Amino acid sequence: MAAAPLPERTVFIVSDGTGITAETFSNSVLSQFDTARFRQIRIPFIDSVDKAAAAAARIDQSFASEGTRPIVFSTLVNPEMNTRVRQANGLFLDLFQTFVEPIEQELGLRSSHSIGRSHTMSNVENYKNRIEAINFSLAHDDGQLVRGLERADVILVGVSRCGKTPTSLYLAMQYAVKAANYPLIPDDFERGALPSGLLAFRSKLFGLSIQPERLAEVRHERRPDSKYATLAQCRYEVAEAERMMRVEGIRSLSTTTKSIEEIATTVLQEIGLDRRGY
């Protein structure tokens, strides 16, 4: 007899900033429990005791209605607000207490305990670089602009809908990397050569590929019942694109089973780029 599925467990992401750090950490931790189901609730910008009390009330309400303690991931740095949320009936996992206090002891220094510090504009140069990289990636999306490619840190190439655009934008937003992307199309395969606009930047090229079956699914969502989305067309384009990458010596990877984070990290490592985001 099959075991009954586990009930959904509520997870609160409590932060004095955007909550992105706590959410990313919680996703990594909870992904280890693949037989459990979780419902995440983000409570950002807790910058007063009153807001901390309201967050605690929501956690208590969840416990009362569901009968199980919610899991609470917190990046609150203010001790008073932290204490107030801790009074709620939940499993409280404090990221700052876990990591910051041991580092304070090791360094013999007191941390700033400043609210929202990890996502402030305190480093104006880094912020400016990220905005510039995002604008660059948007302008050089899908081969729409060849001018300025000499300023690119990396140029992603591959067939249409293999993940070039989201990867380019992720690299720009997270790491301030100027990432352009350029599609390989049937005309390139018939000619048997890279697009002429890319020839001068071969050292910056990185190829993305994908399994034809998955590509057909993605394309069918965009243009159903078209030749563009047929499995035969997808098989032809993927095979030709991968052949061209081998001939041209372009480093590449398959995006089929990889997350955007994994793809971007591989690109950074293979191209040898510094992580210049946060």
C-alpha atoms as a PDB file:
ATOM      1  CA  MET A   1       0.000   0.000   0.000  1.00  0.00           C
ATOM      2  CA  ALA A   2       1.437   3.361  -1.036  1.00  0.00           C
ATOM      3  CA  ALA A   3       2.286   5.805   1.717  1.00  0.00           C
ATOM      4  CA  ALA A   4      -0.002   8.798   2.065  1.00  0.00           C
ATOM      5  CA  PRO A   5       1.493  12.003   0.694  1.00  0.00           C
ATOM      6  CA  LEU A   6       2.901  14.370   3.274  1.00  0.00           C
ATOM      7  CA  PRO A   7       0.821  17.459   4.012  1.00  0.00           C
ATOM      8  CA  GLU A   8       2.020  20.793   2.729  1.00  0.00           C
ATOM      9  CA  ARG A   9       4.206  22.661   5.220  1.00  0.00           C
ATOM     10  CA  THR A  10       4.197  26.444   5.384  1.00  0.00           C
ATOM     11  CA  VAL A  11       7.543  28.222   5.165  1.00  0.00           C
ATOM     12  CA  PHE A  12       7.961  31.883   6.065  1.00  0.00           C
ATOM     13  CA  ILE A  13      10.789  33.985   4.629  1.00  0.00           C
ATOM     14  CA  VAL A  14      11.255  36.904   7.025  1.00  0.00           C
ATOM     15  CA  SER A  15      13.689  39.699   6.234  1.00  0.00           C
ATOM     16  CA  ASP A  16      14.421  43.350   6.877  1.00  0.00           C
ATOM     17  CA  GLY A  17      15.270  43.674   3.165  1.00  0.00           C
ATOM     18  CA  THR A  18      13.955  42.032   0.023  1.00  0.00           C
ATOM     19  CA  GLY A  19      14.148  38.505   1.418  1.00  0.00           C
ATOM     20  CA  ILE A  20      16.045  37.270  -1.629  1.00  0.00           C
ATOM     21  CA  THR A  21      18.992  35.986   0.409  1.00  0.00           C
ATOM     22  CA  ALA A  22      16.785  34.039   2.835  1.00  0.00           C
ATOM     23  CA  GLU A  23      14.598  32.706   0.020  1.00  0.00           C
ATOM     24  CA  THR A  24      17.603  31.474  -1.976  1.00  0.00           C
ATOM     25  CA  PHE A  25      19.023  29.750   1.095  1.00  0.00           C
ATOM     26  CA  SER A  26      15.666  28.209   2.001  1.00  0.00           C
ATOM     27  CA  ASN A  27      15.210  26.855  -1.535  1.00  0.00           C
ATOM     28  CA  SER A  28      18.615  25.185  -1.358  1.00  0.00           C
ATOM     29  CA  VAL A  29      17.891  23.609   2.017  1.00  0.00           C
ATOM     30  CA  LEU A  30      14.313  22.508   1.307  1.00  0.00           C
ATOM     31  CA  SER A  31      15.256  20.997  -2.059  1.00  0.00           C
ATOM     32  CA  GLN A  32      16.934  18.215  -0.048  1.00  0.00           C
ATOM     33  CA  PHE A  33      13.487  17.044   1.073  1.00  0.00           C
ATOM     34  CA  ASP A  34      12.030  16.050  -2.288  1.00  0.00           C
ATOM     35  CA  THR A  35       9.180  14.002  -0.807  1.00  0.00           C
ATOM     36  CA  ALA A  36       7.816  16.971   1.158  1.00  0.00           C
ATOM     37  CA  ARG A  37       5.708  19.855  -0.119  1.00  0.00           C
ATOM     38  CA  PHE A  38       6.250  23.446   0.963  1.00  0.00           C
ATOM     39  CA  ARG A  39       4.246  26.640   0.595  1.00  0.00           C
ATOM     40  CA  GLN A  40       6.480  29.703   0.839  1.00  0.00           C
ATOM     41  CA  ILE A  41       5.335  33.067   2.167  1.00  0.00           C
ATOM     42  CA  ARG A  42       7.772  35.960   1.917  1.00  0.00           C
ATOM     43  CA  ILE A  43       7.508  38.799   4.471  1.00  0.00           C
ATOM     44  CA  PRO A  44      10.061  41.448   3.409  1.00  0.00           C
ATOM     45  CA  PHE A  45      11.016  44.887   4.745  1.00  0.00           C
ATOM     46  CA  ILE A  46      10.548  44.181   8.470  1.00  0.00           C
ATOM     47  CA  ASP A  47      12.076  47.458   9.679  1.00  0.00           C
ATOM     48  CA  SER A  48      10.097  48.127  12.881  1.00  0.00           C
ATOM     49  CA  VAL A  49       8.984  46.227  15.980  1.00  0.00           C
ATOM     50  CA  ASP A  50       5.356  46.654  14.905  1.00  0.00           C
ATOM     51  CA  LYS A  51       6.073  44.924  11.593  1.00  0.00           C
ATOM     52  CA  ALA A  52       7.943  42.199  13.461  1.00  0.00           C
ATOM     53  CA  ALA A  53       4.906  41.693  15.701  1.00  0.00           C
ATOM     54  CA  ALA A  54       2.634  41.491  12.645  1.00  0.00           C
ATOM     55  CA  ALA A  55       4.934  38.863  11.115  1.00  0.00           C
ATOM     56  CA  ALA A  56       4.866  36.864  14.366  1.00  0.00           C
ATOM     57  CA  ALA A  57       1.068  37.033  14.345  1.00  0.00           C
ATOM     58  CA  ARG A  58       0.949  35.587  10.808  1.00  0.00           C
ATOM     59  CA  ILE A  59       3.230  32.737  11.867  1.00  0.00           C
ATOM     60  CA  ASP A  60       1.046  32.021  14.916  1.00  0.00           C
ATOM     61  CA  GLN A  61      -2.085  32.116  12.750  1.00  0.00           C
ATOM     62  CA  SER A  62      -0.546  29.559  10.405  1.00  0.00           C
ATOM     63  CA  PHE A  63       0.260  27.267  13.321  1.00  0.00           C
ATOM     64  CA  ALA A  64      -3.259  27.599  14.725  1.00  0.00           C
ATOM     65  CA  SER A  65      -4.975  26.829  11.412  1.00  0.00           C
ATOM     66  CA  GLU A  66      -2.670  24.033  10.209  1.00  0.00           C
ATOM     67  CA  GLY A  67      -1.667  22.374  13.472  1.00  0.00           C
ATOM     68  CA  THR A  68       2.009  22.186  12.514  1.00  0.00           C
ATOM     69  CA  ARG A  69       4.791  24.631  13.222  1.00  0.00           C
ATOM     70  CA  PRO A  70       5.748  26.727  10.200  1.00  0.00           C
ATOM     71  CA  ILE A  71       9.406  26.780   9.222  1.00  0.00           C
ATOM     72  CA  VAL A  72      10.801  30.318   9.477  1.00  0.00           C
ATOM     73  CA  PHE A  73      13.945  31.408   7.630  1.00  0.00           C
ATOM     74  CA  SER A  74      15.090  34.795   8.902  1.00  0.00           C
ATOM     75  CA  THR A  75      17.730  37.357   7.973  1.00  0.00           C
ATOM     76  CA  LEU A  76      16.663  39.938  10.564  1.00  0.00           C
ATOM     77  CA  VAL A  77      19.707  41.704  11.997  1.00  0.00           C
ATOM     78  CA  ASN A  78      18.018  43.987  14.534  1.00  0.00           C
ATOM     79  CA  PRO A  79      18.031  42.123  17.897  1.00  0.00           C
ATOM     80  CA  GLU A  80      14.722  43.573  19.108  1.00  0.00           C
ATOM     81  CA  MET A  81      12.860  42.664  15.928  1.00  0.00           C
ATOM     82  CA  ASN A  82      14.559  39.296  15.840  1.00  0.00           C
ATOM     83  CA  THR A  83      13.461  38.529  19.395  1.00  0.00           C
ATOM     84  CA  ARG A  84       9.883  39.546  18.652  1.00  0.00           C
ATOM     85  CA  VAL A  85       9.563  37.208  15.662  1.00  0.00           C
ATOM     86  CA  ARG A  86      11.218  34.389  17.613  1.00  0.00           C
ATOM     87  CA  GLN A  87       8.306  34.501  20.084  1.00  0.00           C
ATOM     88  CA  ALA A  88       6.046  33.066  17.384  1.00  0.00           C
ATOM     89  CA  ASN A  89       5.276  29.358  17.312  1.00  0.00           C
ATOM     90  CA  GLY A  90       7.524  28.216  14.481  1.00  0.00           C
ATOM     91  CA  LEU A  91      10.825  26.487  13.771  1.00  0.00           C
ATOM     92  CA  PHE A  92      13.049  29.570  13.643  1.00  0.00           C
ATOM     93  CA  LEU A  93      16.223  29.369  11.496  1.00  0.00           C
ATOM     94  CA  ASP A  94      18.291  32.516  11.898  1.00  0.00           C
ATOM     95  CA  LEU A  95      20.830  32.852   9.101  1.00  0.00           C
ATOM     96  CA  PHE A  96      22.613  35.851  10.602  1.00  0.00           C
ATOM     97  CA  GLN A  97      22.976  34.367  14.058  1.00  0.00           C
ATOM     98  CA  THR A  98      24.259  31.136  12.519  1.00  0.00           C
ATOM     99  CA  PHE A  99      26.931  32.779  10.386  1.00  0.00           C
ATOM    100  CA  VAL A 100      27.594  36.346  11.539  1.00  0.00           C
ATOM    101  CA  GLU A 101      28.250  35.667  15.216  1.00  0.00           C
ATOM    102  CA  PRO A 102      30.962  33.009  14.607  1.00  0.00           C
ATOM    103  CA  ILE A 103      32.650  35.378  12.126  1.00  0.00           C
ATOM    104  CA  GLU A 104      32.516  38.207  14.701  1.00  0.00           C
ATOM    105  CA  GLN A 105      34.266  35.936  17.199  1.00  0.00           C
ATOM    106  CA  GLU A 106      36.856  34.810  14.655  1.00  0.00           C
ATOM    107  CA  LEU A 107      37.682  38.341  13.478  1.00  0.00           C
ATOM    108  CA  GLY A 108      37.376  39.976  16.855  1.00  0.00           C
ATOM    109  CA  LEU A 109      35.121  42.565  15.241  1.00  0.00           C
ATOM    110  CA  ARG A 110      31.507  43.591  15.675  1.00  0.00           C
ATOM    111  CA  SER A 111      29.401  43.507  12.512  1.00  0.00           C
ATOM    112  CA  SER A 112      27.391  46.585  11.554  1.00  0.00           C
ATOM    113  CA  HIS A 113      23.968  44.952  12.185  1.00  0.00           C
ATOM    114  CA  SER A 114      22.605  47.411   9.608  1.00  0.00           C
ATOM    115  CA  ILE A 115      19.148  46.727   8.214  1.00  0.00           C
ATOM    116  CA  GLY A 116      19.028  45.852   4.508  1.00  0.00           C
ATOM    117  CA  ARG A 117      22.747  46.301   4.027  1.00  0.00           C
ATOM    118  CA  SER A 118      23.219  43.432   1.563  1.00  0.00           C
ATOM    119  CA  HIS A 119      20.959  45.079  -1.022  1.00  0.00           C
ATOM    120  CA  THR A 120      21.720  48.762  -0.541  1.00  0.00           C
ATOM    121  CA  MET A 121      23.342  51.033  -3.109  1.00  0.00           C
ATOM    122  CA  SER A 122      26.337  51.547  -0.822  1.00  0.00           C
ATOM    123  CA  ASN A 123      28.643  50.511  -3.658  1.00  0.00           C
ATOM    124  CA  VAL A 124      27.546  52.897  -6.375  1.00  0.00           C
ATOM    125  CA  GLU A 125      30.104  51.577  -8.867  1.00  0.00           C
ATOM    126  CA  ASN A 126      28.777  48.006  -8.613  1.00  0.00           C
ATOM    127  CA  TYR A 127      25.215  49.224  -9.010  1.00  0.00           C
ATOM    128  CA  LYS A 128      26.130  51.287 -12.062  1.00  0.00           C
ATOM    129  CA  ASN A 129      27.934  48.309 -13.611  1.00  0.00           C
ATOM    130  CA  ARG A 130      24.895  46.077 -13.179  1.00  0.00           C
ATOM    131  CA  ILE A 131      22.541  48.595 -14.775  1.00  0.00           C
ATOM    132  CA  GLU A 132      24.954  49.096 -17.671  1.00  0.00           C
ATOM    133  CA  ALA A 133      25.237  45.331 -18.170  1.00  0.00           C
ATOM    134  CA  ILE A 134      21.442  44.898 -18.177  1.00  0.00           C
ATOM    135  CA  ASN A 135      21.030  47.649 -20.774  1.00  0.00           C
ATOM    136  CA  PHE A 136      23.784  46.071 -22.886  1.00  0.00           C
ATOM    137  CA  SER A 137      22.187  42.619 -22.756  1.00  0.00           C
ATOM    138  CA  LEU A 138      18.764  43.987 -23.687  1.00  0.00           C
ATOM    139  CA  ALA A 139      20.226  45.914 -26.637  1.00  0.00           C
ATOM    140  CA  HIS A 140      22.181  42.872 -27.854  1.00  0.00           C
ATOM    141  CA  ASP A 141      19.439  40.281 -27.392  1.00  0.00           C
ATOM    142  CA  ASP A 142      18.817  37.754 -30.181  1.00  0.00           C
ATOM    143  CA  GLY A 143      21.397  39.298 -32.514  1.00  0.00           C
ATOM    144  CA  GLN A 144      19.403  42.506 -32.941  1.00  0.00           C
ATOM    145  CA  LEU A 145      22.510  44.707 -32.622  1.00  0.00           C
ATOM    146  CA  VAL A 146      25.993  43.788 -33.836  1.00  0.00           C
ATOM    147  CA  ARG A 147      27.540  47.177 -33.154  1.00  0.00           C
ATOM    148  CA  GLY A 148      29.300  47.242 -29.793  1.00  0.00           C
ATOM    149  CA  LEU A 149      30.016  43.516 -29.504  1.00  0.00           C
ATOM    150  CA  GLU A 150      33.632  44.371 -28.796  1.00  0.00           C
ATOM    151  CA  ARG A 151      32.410  45.494 -25.352  1.00  0.00           C
ATOM    152  CA  ALA A 152      30.756  42.129 -24.626  1.00  0.00           C
ATOM    153  CA  ASP A 153      32.230  39.909 -21.913  1.00  0.00           C
ATOM    154  CA  VAL A 154      30.583  36.856 -23.475  1.00  0.00           C
ATOM    155  CA  ILE A 155      28.435  36.138 -26.538  1.00  0.00           C
ATOM    156  CA  LEU A 156      26.036  33.217 -26.198  1.00  0.00           C
ATOM    157  CA  VAL A 157      25.198  31.354 -29.409  1.00  0.00           C
ATOM    158  CA  GLY A 158      22.717  28.583 -30.101  1.00  0.00           C
ATOM    159  CA  VAL A 159      19.449  27.754 -31.796  1.00  0.00           C
ATOM    160  CA  SER A 160      16.320  29.742 -31.084  1.00  0.00           C
ATOM    161  CA  ARG A 161      14.696  29.037 -27.679  1.00  0.00           C
ATOM    162  CA  CYS A 162      17.604  27.172 -26.080  1.00  0.00           C
ATOM    163  CA  GLY A 163      17.914  29.593 -23.134  1.00  0.00           C
ATOM    164  CA  LYS A 164      20.197  32.343 -24.430  1.00  0.00           C
ATOM    165  CA  THR A 165      18.083  35.350 -23.402  1.00  0.00           C
ATOM    166  CA  PRO A 166      17.334  34.381 -19.783  1.00  0.00           C
ATOM    167  CA  THR A 167      20.957  33.372 -19.251  1.00  0.00           C
ATOM    168  CA  SER A 168      22.197  36.693 -20.671  1.00  0.00           C
ATOM    169  CA  LEU A 169      19.911  38.699 -18.405  1.00  0.00           C
ATOM    170  CA  TYR A 170      20.775  36.610 -15.342  1.00  0.00           C
ATOM    171  CA  LEU A 171      24.497  37.170 -15.940  1.00  0.00           C
ATOM    172  CA  ALA A 172      23.877  40.908 -16.255  1.00  0.00           C
ATOM    173  CA  MET A 173      21.613  41.241 -13.222  1.00  0.00           C
ATOM    174  CA  GLN A 174      23.584  39.048 -10.840  1.00  0.00           C
ATOM    175  CA  TYR A 175      27.177  39.542 -11.942  1.00  0.00           C
ATOM    176  CA  ALA A 176      27.270  42.756 -14.027  1.00  0.00           C
ATOM    177  CA  VAL A 177      28.463  40.690 -17.007  1.00  0.00           C
ATOM    178  CA  LYS A 178      27.854  42.238 -20.440  1.00  0.00           C
ATOM    179  CA  ALA A 179      26.326  39.211 -22.168  1.00  0.00           C
ATOM    180  CA  ALA A 180      25.125  39.370 -25.761  1.00  0.00           C
ATOM    181  CA  ASN A 181      23.338  36.507 -27.461  1.00  0.00           C
ATOM    182  CA  TYR A 182      23.096  35.551 -31.101  1.00  0.00           C
ATOM    183  CA  PRO A 183      20.884  32.899 -32.731  1.00  0.00           C
ATOM    184  CA  LEU A 184      22.217  30.242 -35.088  1.00  0.00           C
ATOM    185  CA  ILE A 185      19.652  29.818 -37.867  1.00  0.00           C
ATOM    186  CA  PRO A 186      19.185  27.489 -40.876  1.00  0.00           C
ATOM    187  CA  ASP A 187      20.871  30.036 -43.176  1.00  0.00           C
ATOM    188  CA  ASP A 188      24.046  29.683 -41.094  1.00  0.00           C
ATOM    189  CA  PHE A 189      23.874  25.892 -41.316  1.00  0.00           C
ATOM    190  CA  GLU A 190      23.392  25.935 -45.095  1.00  0.00           C
ATOM    191  CA  ARG A 191      26.354  28.288 -45.446  1.00  0.00           C
ATOM    192  CA  GLY A 192      28.366  26.178 -43.001  1.00  0.00           C
ATOM    193  CA  ALA A 193      29.838  29.178 -41.226  1.00  0.00           C
ATOM    194  CA  LEU A 194      29.279  31.415 -38.248  1.00  0.00           C
ATOM    195  CA  PRO A 195      27.378  34.668 -38.817  1.00  0.00           C
ATOM    196  CA  SER A 196      29.878  37.190 -40.196  1.00  0.00           C
ATOM    197  CA  GLY A 197      29.266  39.577 -37.312  1.00  0.00           C
ATOM    198  CA  LEU A 198      30.700  37.038 -34.846  1.00  0.00           C
ATOM    199  CA  LEU A 199      33.904  36.087 -36.622  1.00  0.00           C
ATOM    200  CA  ALA A 200      35.986  38.774 -34.926  1.00  0.00           C
ATOM    201  CA  PHE A 201      34.827  37.683 -31.454  1.00  0.00           C
ATOM    202  CA  ARG A 202      35.421  33.921 -31.557  1.00  0.00           C
ATOM    203  CA  SER A 203      37.213  33.948 -28.180  1.00  0.00           C
ATOM    204  CA  LYS A 204      34.108  35.393 -26.499  1.00  0.00           C
ATOM    205  CA  LEU A 205      31.674  32.812 -27.879  1.00  0.00           C
ATOM    206  CA  PHE A 206      29.971  30.224 -25.679  1.00  0.00           C
ATOM    207  CA  GLY A 207      27.439  27.775 -27.093  1.00  0.00           C
ATOM    208  CA  LEU A 208      24.158  26.634 -25.580  1.00  0.00           C
ATOM    209  CA  SER A 209      22.436  23.509 -26.851  1.00  0.00           C
ATOM    210  CA  ILE A 210      19.323  21.553 -25.861  1.00  0.00           C
ATOM    211  CA  GLN A 211      17.760  18.165 -26.506  1.00  0.00           C
ATOM    212  CA  PRO A 212      15.561  18.329 -29.642  1.00  0.00           C
ATOM    213  CA  GLU A 213      12.553  16.843 -27.844  1.00  0.00           C
ATOM    214  CA  ARG A 214      12.626  19.544 -25.190  1.00  0.00           C
ATOM    215  CA  LEU A 215      13.224  22.224 -27.818  1.00  0.00           C
ATOM    216  CA  ALA A 216      10.151  21.075 -29.748  1.00  0.00           C
ATOM    217  CA  GLU A 217       8.045  21.405 -26.574  1.00  0.00           C
ATOM    218  CA  VAL A 218       9.296  24.931 -25.923  1.00  0.00           C
ATOM    219  CA  ARG A 219       8.808  26.046 -29.513  1.00  0.00           C
ATOM    220  CA  HIS A 220       5.345  24.508 -29.699  1.00  0.00           C
ATOM    221  CA  GLU A 221       4.266  26.741 -26.803  1.00  0.00           C
ATOM    222  CA  ARG A 222       5.440  29.770 -28.755  1.00  0.00           C
ATOM    223  CA  ARG A 223       4.346  28.774 -32.290  1.00  0.00           C
ATOM    224  CA  PRO A 224       2.101  25.695 -32.186  1.00  0.00           C
ATOM    225  CA  ASP A 225       1.731  23.495 -35.264  1.00  0.00           C
ATOM    226  CA  SER A 226       4.516  25.302 -37.144  1.00  0.00           C
ATOM    227  CA  LYS A 227       7.470  23.814 -39.019  1.00  0.00           C
ATOM    228  CA  TYR A 228       9.640  25.795 -36.560  1.00  0.00           C
ATOM    229  CA  ALA A 229       8.311  23.611 -33.721  1.00  0.00           C
ATOM    230  CA  THR A 230       8.414  20.195 -35.409  1.00  0.00           C
ATOM    231  CA  LEU A 231      10.691  17.567 -33.936  1.00  0.00           C
ATOM    232  CA  ALA A 232      12.345  17.031 -37.331  1.00  0.00           C
ATOM    233  CA  GLN A 233      13.242  20.717 -37.602  1.00  0.00           C
ATOM    234  CA  CYS A 234      14.502  20.816 -34.026  1.00  0.00           C
ATOM    235  CA  ARG A 235      16.657  17.741 -34.572  1.00  0.00           C
ATOM    236  CA  TYR A 236      18.148  19.259 -37.712  1.00  0.00           C
ATOM    237  CA  GLU A 237      18.952  22.604 -36.096  1.00  0.00           C
ATOM    238  CA  VAL A 238      20.413  21.143 -32.883  1.00  0.00           C
ATOM    239  CA  ALA A 239      22.594  18.676 -34.805  1.00  0.00           C
ATOM    240  CA  GLU A 240      23.896  21.385 -37.143  1.00  0.00           C
ATOM    241  CA  ALA A 241      24.482  23.860 -34.325  1.00  0.00           C
ATOM    242  CA  GLU A 242      26.445  21.309 -32.298  1.00  0.00           C
ATOM    243  CA  ARG A 243      28.462  20.337 -35.383  1.00  0.00           C
ATOM    244  CA  MET A 244      29.321  23.985 -36.013  1.00  0.00           C
ATOM    245  CA  MET A 245      30.371  24.471 -32.396  1.00  0.00           C
ATOM    246  CA  ARG A 246      32.705  21.474 -32.616  1.00  0.00           C
ATOM    247  CA  VAL A 247      34.227  22.642 -35.904  1.00  0.00           C
ATOM    248  CA  GLU A 248      34.718  26.183 -34.617  1.00  0.00           C
ATOM    249  CA  GLY A 249      36.050  25.043 -31.227  1.00  0.00           C
ATOM    250  CA  ILE A 250      33.298  26.845 -29.313  1.00  0.00           C
ATOM    251  CA  ARG A 251      32.854  25.747 -25.707  1.00  0.00           C
ATOM    252  CA  SER A 252      29.283  24.681 -25.019  1.00  0.00           C
ATOM    253  CA  LEU A 253      26.833  22.910 -22.727  1.00  0.00           C
ATOM    254  CA  SER A 254      23.322  21.494 -22.897  1.00  0.00           C
ATOM    255  CA  THR A 255      20.674  23.504 -21.057  1.00  0.00           C
ATOM    256  CA  THR A 256      18.089  20.694 -21.068  1.00  0.00           C
ATOM    257  CA  THR A 257      18.314  19.701 -17.406  1.00  0.00           C
ATOM    258  CA  LYS A 258      20.143  22.715 -15.980  1.00  0.00           C
ATOM    259  CA  SER A 259      18.819  25.723 -14.096  1.00  0.00           C
ATOM    260  CA  ILE A 260      19.666  29.270 -15.141  1.00  0.00           C
ATOM    261  CA  GLU A 261      21.975  29.490 -12.121  1.00  0.00           C
ATOM    262  CA  GLU A 262      23.883  26.367 -13.206  1.00  0.00           C
ATOM    263  CA  ILE A 263      24.181  27.574 -16.796  1.00  0.00           C
ATOM    264  CA  ALA A 264      25.429  31.011 -15.736  1.00  0.00           C
ATOM    265  CA  THR A 265      27.957  29.559 -13.286  1.00  0.00           C
ATOM    266  CA  THR A 266      29.357  27.262 -15.984  1.00  0.00           C
ATOM    267  CA  VAL A 267      29.654  30.176 -18.420  1.00  0.00           C
ATOM    268  CA  LEU A 268      31.506  32.257 -15.811  1.00  0.00           C
ATOM    269  CA  GLN A 269      33.931  29.427 -15.096  1.00  0.00           C
ATOM    270  CA  GLU A 270      34.568  28.499 -18.729  1.00  0.00           C
ATOM    271  CA  ILE A 271      35.053  32.071 -19.955  1.00  0.00           C
ATOM    272  CA  GLY A 272      37.096  32.995 -16.862  1.00  0.00           C
ATOM    273  CA  LEU A 273      35.008  35.986 -15.804  1.00  0.00           C
ATOM    274  CA  ASP A 274      35.089  37.539 -12.359  1.00  0.00           C
ATOM    275  CA  ARG A 275      31.795  37.641 -10.477  1.00  0.00           C
ATOM    276  CA  ARG A 276      31.239  41.347 -10.254  1.00  0.00           C
ATOM    277  CA  GLY A 277      27.665  41.574  -9.031  1.00  0.00           C
ATOM    278  CA  TYR A 278      27.025  41.998  -5.323  1.00  0.00           C
END
